[in-house]
Amino acid sequence: QVQLVESGGGLVQPGGSLRLSCAASGFTFSLSGMNWYRQAPGKERELVARISPGGTTNYADSVKGRFTISRDNAKNTVYLQMNSLKLEDTAVYYCSRLSSWGQGTQVTVSS
């Protein structure tokens, strides 16, 4: 079955960086578009970034120029490099593919 396992979250100061990873299994990763979503307390889950099988990327306006999504098909892994983090980036970050979701990884930006 489809499994998505996120890692790399943590506590970081404003302006800092983190790289999230999502290890995928149970499907043909190289043929799948992959997404990163986030959900902050009291808010709806929102799309942060997506990457197509061919590597085309899209970003939410709030993270453009700061976040980069990438994929390594040899490792069945999708990444989210997050730079210049802001307080409002605090959320649980989820990896998804179609209707499948990982368990999420907490990112907390705080001074």
C-alpha atoms as a PDB file:
ATOM      1  CA  GLN A   1       0.000   0.000   0.000  1.00  0.00           C
ATOM      2  CA  VAL A   2       0.992   3.618  -0.375  1.00  0.00           C
ATOM      3  CA  GLN A   3       3.230   4.895   2.403  1.00  0.00           C
ATOM      4  CA  LEU A   4       4.502   8.433   2.834  1.00  0.00           C
ATOM      5  CA  VAL A   5       6.851   9.179   5.718  1.00  0.00           C
ATOM      6  CA  GLU A   6       7.887  12.739   6.441  1.00  0.00           C
ATOM      7  CA  SER A   7      10.941  13.791   8.416  1.00  0.00           C
ATOM      8  CA  GLY A   8      13.083  16.840   9.035  1.00  0.00           C
ATOM      9  CA  GLY A   9      10.775  19.077  11.021  1.00  0.00           C
ATOM     10  CA  GLY A  10      11.852  20.876  14.152  1.00  0.00           C
ATOM     11  CA  LEU A  11      12.281  24.164  15.956  1.00  0.00           C
ATOM     12  CA  VAL A  12      14.066  26.968  14.104  1.00  0.00           C
ATOM     13  CA  GLN A  13      14.522  30.686  14.600  1.00  0.00           C
ATOM     14  CA  PRO A  14      13.052  33.220  12.183  1.00  0.00           C
ATOM     15  CA  GLY A  15      15.303  33.510   9.152  1.00  0.00           C
ATOM     16  CA  GLY A  16      16.532  29.965   9.543  1.00  0.00           C
ATOM     17  CA  SER A  17      16.275  26.968   7.247  1.00  0.00           C
ATOM     18  CA  LEU A  18      14.984  23.422   7.347  1.00  0.00           C
ATOM     19  CA  ARG A  19      14.784  20.645   4.804  1.00  0.00           C
ATOM     20  CA  LEU A  20      11.854  18.274   4.938  1.00  0.00           C
ATOM     21  CA  SER A  21      11.959  14.834   3.359  1.00  0.00           C
ATOM     22  CA  CYS A  22       9.175  12.486   2.368  1.00  0.00           C
ATOM     23  CA  ALA A  23      10.066   8.867   1.681  1.00  0.00           C
ATOM     24  CA  ALA A  24       7.501   7.190  -0.548  1.00  0.00           C
ATOM     25  CA  SER A  25       6.688   3.551  -1.243  1.00  0.00           C
ATOM     26  CA  GLY A  26       3.910   1.396  -2.641  1.00  0.00           C
ATOM     27  CA  PHE A  27       3.539   3.104  -6.016  1.00  0.00           C
ATOM     28  CA  THR A  28       5.582   4.152  -9.034  1.00  0.00           C
ATOM     29  CA  PHE A  29       7.125   7.266  -7.597  1.00  0.00           C
ATOM     30  CA  SER A  30       8.741   8.512 -10.801  1.00  0.00           C
ATOM     31  CA  LEU A  31       5.328   8.690 -12.497  1.00  0.00           C
ATOM     32  CA  SER A  32       3.581  10.523  -9.661  1.00  0.00           C
ATOM     33  CA  GLY A  33       3.078  14.177  -8.905  1.00  0.00           C
ATOM     34  CA  MET A  34       3.876  14.953  -5.288  1.00  0.00           C
ATOM     35  CA  ASN A  35       2.668  17.685  -2.979  1.00  0.00           C
ATOM     36  CA  TRP A  36       3.563  19.386   0.260  1.00  0.00           C
ATOM     37  CA  TYR A  37       0.728  20.807   2.335  1.00  0.00           C
ATOM     38  CA  ARG A  38       0.713  22.470   5.728  1.00  0.00           C
ATOM     39  CA  GLN A  39      -1.822  23.076   8.444  1.00  0.00           C
ATOM     40  CA  ALA A  40      -1.375  25.700  11.112  1.00  0.00           C
ATOM     41  CA  PRO A  41      -3.376  25.619  14.360  1.00  0.00           C
ATOM     42  CA  GLY A  42      -6.928  26.769  13.763  1.00  0.00           C
ATOM     43  CA  LYS A  43      -6.452  27.020  10.012  1.00  0.00           C
ATOM     44  CA  GLU A  44      -7.333  24.901   7.026  1.00  0.00           C
ATOM     45  CA  ARG A  45      -4.751  22.724   5.345  1.00  0.00           C
ATOM     46  CA  GLU A  46      -3.163  24.581   2.446  1.00  0.00           C
ATOM     47  CA  LEU A  47      -1.064  23.565  -0.531  1.00  0.00           C
ATOM     48  CA  VAL A  48       2.523  24.756  -0.191  1.00  0.00           C
ATOM     49  CA  ALA A  49       4.212  23.269  -3.251  1.00  0.00           C
ATOM     50  CA  ARG A  50       3.829  20.567  -5.843  1.00  0.00           C
ATOM     51  CA  ILE A  51       6.113  18.883  -8.312  1.00  0.00           C
ATOM     52  CA  SER A  52       5.099  16.988 -11.423  1.00  0.00           C
ATOM     53  CA  PRO A  53       6.661  13.726 -12.582  1.00  0.00           C
ATOM     54  CA  GLY A  54       8.717  15.765 -15.044  1.00  0.00           C
ATOM     55  CA  GLY A  55       9.892  18.220 -12.389  1.00  0.00           C
ATOM     56  CA  THR A  56       7.577  21.156 -13.035  1.00  0.00           C
ATOM     57  CA  THR A  57       6.987  23.016  -9.778  1.00  0.00           C
ATOM     58  CA  ASN A  58       4.289  25.274  -8.379  1.00  0.00           C
ATOM     59  CA  TYR A  59       4.257  27.226  -5.135  1.00  0.00           C
ATOM     60  CA  ALA A  60       1.861  29.075  -2.917  1.00  0.00           C
ATOM     61  CA  ASP A  61       2.423  32.816  -3.167  1.00  0.00           C
ATOM     62  CA  SER A  62       3.325  32.933   0.515  1.00  0.00           C
ATOM     63  CA  VAL A  63       6.407  30.736   0.015  1.00  0.00           C
ATOM     64  CA  LYS A  64       7.604  31.694  -3.474  1.00  0.00           C
ATOM     65  CA  GLY A  65      11.279  32.569  -3.477  1.00  0.00           C
ATOM     66  CA  ARG A  66      11.828  30.978  -0.059  1.00  0.00           C
ATOM     67  CA  PHE A  67      10.833  27.312  -0.472  1.00  0.00           C
ATOM     68  CA  THR A  68      12.025  24.832  -3.066  1.00  0.00           C
ATOM     69  CA  ILE A  69      10.436  21.473  -3.790  1.00  0.00           C
ATOM     70  CA  SER A  70      12.544  18.790  -5.448  1.00  0.00           C
ATOM     71  CA  ARG A  71      12.525  15.067  -6.004  1.00  0.00           C
ATOM     72  CA  ASP A  72      15.002  12.216  -6.205  1.00  0.00           C
ATOM     73  CA  ASN A  73      13.402   9.403  -8.181  1.00  0.00           C
ATOM     74  CA  ALA A  74      16.283   7.055  -7.387  1.00  0.00           C
ATOM     75  CA  LYS A  75      15.485   7.406  -3.690  1.00  0.00           C
ATOM     76  CA  ASN A  76      11.689   7.680  -4.024  1.00  0.00           C
ATOM     77  CA  THR A  77      11.908  10.866  -1.997  1.00  0.00           C
ATOM     78  CA  VAL A  78      10.517  14.358  -2.314  1.00  0.00           C
ATOM     79  CA  TYR A  79      12.069  17.284  -0.468  1.00  0.00           C
ATOM     80  CA  LEU A  80      11.017  20.708   0.672  1.00  0.00           C
ATOM     81  CA  GLN A  81      13.880  23.115   1.277  1.00  0.00           C
ATOM     82  CA  MET A  82      12.616  25.976   3.418  1.00  0.00           C
ATOM     83  CA  ASN A  83      14.714  29.107   3.735  1.00  0.00           C
ATOM     84  CA  SER A  84      14.115  32.494   5.353  1.00  0.00           C
ATOM     85  CA  LEU A  85      11.525  30.934   7.613  1.00  0.00           C
ATOM     86  CA  LYS A  86       8.922  33.183   9.188  1.00  0.00           C
ATOM     87  CA  LEU A  87       6.774  32.828  12.292  1.00  0.00           C
ATOM     88  CA  GLU A  88       3.769  32.249  10.063  1.00  0.00           C
ATOM     89  CA  ASP A  89       5.412  29.174   8.530  1.00  0.00           C
ATOM     90  CA  THR A  90       4.769  27.327  11.788  1.00  0.00           C
ATOM     91  CA  ALA A  91       2.553  24.345  10.944  1.00  0.00           C
ATOM     92  CA  VAL A  92       2.403  20.618  10.533  1.00  0.00           C
ATOM     93  CA  TYR A  93       3.734  19.811   7.074  1.00  0.00           C
ATOM     94  CA  TYR A  94       2.301  16.898   5.136  1.00  0.00           C
ATOM     95  CA  CYS A  95       3.442  15.054   2.063  1.00  0.00           C
ATOM     96  CA  SER A  96       0.706  13.825  -0.243  1.00  0.00           C
ATOM     97  CA  ARG A  97       0.081  11.950  -3.435  1.00  0.00           C
ATOM     98  CA  LEU A  98      -3.499  11.859  -4.769  1.00  0.00           C
ATOM     99  CA  SER A  99      -5.604  10.889  -1.739  1.00  0.00           C
ATOM    100  CA  SER A 100      -2.732   9.517   0.332  1.00  0.00           C
ATOM    101  CA  TRP A 101      -1.112  11.469   3.152  1.00  0.00           C
ATOM    102  CA  GLY A 102       1.812  11.079   5.461  1.00  0.00           C
ATOM    103  CA  GLN A 103       1.604  11.509   9.206  1.00  0.00           C
ATOM    104  CA  GLY A 104       3.046  15.009   9.091  1.00  0.00           C
ATOM    105  CA  THR A 105       6.088  16.669  10.606  1.00  0.00           C
ATOM    106  CA  GLN A 106       5.944  19.680  12.902  1.00  0.00           C
ATOM    107  CA  VAL A 107       7.773  22.846  11.918  1.00  0.00           C
ATOM    108  CA  THR A 108       7.943  25.534  14.579  1.00  0.00           C
ATOM    109  CA  VAL A 109       9.471  28.929  13.836  1.00  0.00           C
ATOM    110  CA  SER A 110      10.073  30.821  17.041  1.00  0.00           C
ATOM    111  CA  SER A 111      12.598  33.145  18.612  1.00  0.00           C
END
